[in-house]
Protein backbone atom coordinates (compact mmCIF):
# COMPACT_ATOMS: atom_id res chain seq x y z
CA MET A 1 0.00 0.00 0.00
CA ARG A 2 2.01 2.91 -1.30
CA ASN A 3 -0.72 5.40 -2.17
CA PHE A 4 -4.36 6.22 -1.56
CA GLU A 5 -5.51 4.72 -4.86
CA SER A 6 -4.08 1.30 -3.90
CA ILE A 7 -5.99 1.49 -0.61
CA ARG A 8 -9.19 2.46 -2.44
CA ARG A 9 -8.80 -0.56 -4.78
CA HIS A 10 -8.10 -2.89 -1.85
CA LEU A 11 -11.21 -1.75 0.06
CA LYS A 12 -13.43 -2.44 -2.96
CA THR A 13 -11.94 -5.89 -3.64
CA ALA A 14 -12.07 -6.77 0.09
CA GLY A 15 -15.85 -6.39 0.01
CA PHE A 16 -16.26 -3.29 2.15
CA ASN A 17 -19.35 -1.19 1.38
CA THR A 18 -17.58 1.95 0.09
CA THR A 19 -18.63 5.29 -1.32
CA SER A 20 -16.32 8.02 -2.58
CA HIS A 21 -17.04 11.55 -1.46
CA ASP A 22 -14.32 13.01 -3.63
CA GLU A 23 -10.95 11.96 -4.94
CA ASP A 24 -9.32 12.17 -1.51
CA VAL A 25 -11.96 10.57 0.77
CA VAL A 26 -13.49 7.09 0.92
CA CYS A 27 -16.36 6.28 3.26
CA ILE A 28 -17.03 2.76 4.49
CA GLU A 29 -20.47 1.95 5.85
CA LEU A 30 -19.60 -0.67 8.45
CA SER A 31 -22.35 -3.00 9.62
CA LEU A 32 -21.91 -4.18 13.23
CA GLU A 33 -23.66 -6.60 15.57
CA GLN A 34 -25.37 -8.61 12.81
CA GLY A 35 -26.60 -5.46 11.09
CA THR A 36 -28.28 -3.90 14.13
CA ARG A 37 -25.69 -1.09 14.36
CA HIS A 38 -23.81 0.91 11.74
CA GLN A 39 -20.76 3.13 11.73
CA ALA A 40 -19.36 5.34 8.96
CA ILE A 41 -15.57 5.17 8.66
CA PHE A 42 -13.68 7.75 6.60
CA LEU A 43 -10.29 7.16 5.01
CA SER A 44 -8.23 10.01 3.61
CA GLU A 45 -4.66 10.97 2.91
CA LEU A 46 -2.64 13.65 4.64
CA ASP A 47 1.01 14.65 4.52
CA ASP A 48 3.34 15.37 7.40
CA ASP A 49 5.65 18.40 7.52
CA ASP A 50 8.24 16.55 5.42
CA GLY A 51 5.68 15.62 2.77
CA ARG A 52 5.45 11.94 3.77
CA PRO A 53 1.96 10.58 3.05
CA TYR A 54 -0.17 9.17 5.87
CA LEU A 55 -3.45 7.30 5.84
CA ARG A 56 -6.04 8.76 8.21
CA VAL A 57 -8.87 6.48 9.41
CA SER A 58 -11.58 8.29 11.35
CA THR A 59 -15.16 8.02 12.55
CA ALA A 60 -17.51 10.53 14.13
CA VAL A 61 -18.55 9.56 17.66
CA ALA A 62 -20.85 12.27 19.02
CA PRO A 63 -21.65 15.96 18.68
CA THR A 64 -19.62 18.03 21.10
CA THR A 65 -22.72 19.77 22.45
CA GLY A 66 -23.17 18.70 26.07
CA LEU A 67 -20.16 16.38 25.84
CA ASP A 68 -18.29 15.61 29.05
CA ALA A 69 -14.76 16.56 27.98
CA ARG A 70 -13.28 14.95 31.10
CA ARG A 71 -14.73 11.53 30.18
CA ALA A 72 -13.45 11.91 26.63
CA LEU A 73 -9.95 12.82 27.81
CA VAL A 74 -9.86 9.91 30.28
CA PHE A 75 -10.81 7.60 27.41
CA ASN A 76 -8.09 9.18 25.24
CA TRP A 77 -5.50 8.51 27.94
CA GLN A 78 -6.55 4.87 28.35
CA SER A 79 -6.90 4.10 24.63
CA ARG A 80 -4.23 1.98 23.02
CA VAL A 81 -5.56 2.64 19.50
CA GLY A 82 -6.71 5.91 18.04
CA TYR A 83 -6.94 9.35 19.49
CA LEU A 84 -9.76 11.82 19.96
CA ALA A 85 -10.13 15.07 18.05
CA ILE A 86 -12.87 17.52 17.14
CA GLY A 87 -13.82 17.90 13.50
CA ASP A 88 -16.78 19.34 11.62
CA LEU A 89 -19.45 17.10 10.17
CA ASP A 90 -21.83 19.13 7.99
CA GLY A 91 -20.91 22.27 9.93
CA VAL A 92 -21.46 20.69 13.37
CA PRO A 93 -18.45 20.02 15.66
CA TYR A 94 -18.17 16.29 16.41
CA LEU A 95 -15.89 14.25 18.60
CA GLN A 96 -13.89 12.07 16.20
CA LEU A 97 -11.91 8.91 16.79
CA CYS A 98 -8.86 8.94 14.48
CA GLU A 99 -5.75 6.96 13.64
CA ASN A 100 -2.95 8.07 11.30
CA ARG A 101 -0.47 5.63 9.78
CA PRO A 102 2.43 6.23 7.39
CA TYR A 103 2.09 4.36 4.12
CA GLU A 104 5.50 2.75 4.51
CA GLY A 105 4.94 -0.64 6.11
CA LEU A 106 1.15 -0.45 5.64
CA ASP A 107 -0.34 -3.59 4.11
CA ALA A 108 -3.85 -4.80 3.26
CA ALA A 109 -4.28 -6.69 6.53
CA GLU A 110 -3.37 -3.61 8.58
CA VAL A 111 -5.82 -1.43 6.61
CA ASP A 112 -8.58 -3.98 7.30
CA ARG A 113 -7.67 -4.14 10.98
CA LEU A 114 -7.70 -0.32 11.29
CA VAL A 115 -11.12 -0.03 9.65
CA LEU A 116 -12.63 -2.71 11.88
CA GLU A 117 -10.95 -1.54 15.07
CA ILE A 118 -11.70 2.18 14.65
CA GLY A 119 -15.24 1.33 13.49
CA GLY A 120 -15.99 -0.99 16.39
CA LEU A 121 -14.39 1.23 19.01
CA GLY A 122 -16.09 4.32 17.57
CA ASP A 123 -19.47 2.58 17.74
CA ARG A 124 -18.89 1.58 21.39
CA MET A 125 -17.93 5.17 22.22
CA GLU A 126 -20.99 6.47 20.36
CA ARG A 127 -23.22 4.12 22.32
CA MET A 128 -21.63 5.27 25.58
CA MET A 129 -21.92 8.97 24.74
CA SER A 130 -25.47 8.83 23.31
CA ALA A 131 -27.19 6.55 25.84
CA GLY A 132 -27.20 3.59 23.47
CA GLY A 133 -28.15 5.50 20.33
CA ASP A 134 -26.83 4.85 16.82
CA LEU A 135 -26.58 8.36 15.40
CA LEU A 136 -23.95 7.70 12.77
């Protein structure tokens, strides 16, 4: 996996339900718990300060309105995978679970693992933050 296009091709051949929002973003609609829950996972490319490309895997967890920032930061400290950030979703600030990985050393199995892990963890966080709801 050396570029975003190779990741896009892999996701389609691996059977993920993908949609492209533009050339630089792929969305995966992940079905969880035998189809009773769903989570949208976004993959995009970003560059570091030296121009090295990274894959970003992210999912929206909850709107920041009324969010207990202390609980979110405690989770961030305890998490072994991903980190929390705030990003806009249709103009609304949302808590996002993200993971960035450099392309070097990234293979198909790791991409699959990231999608499933960020998706599953994001859904558990969403459930926790929204009293069991499935907003996204």
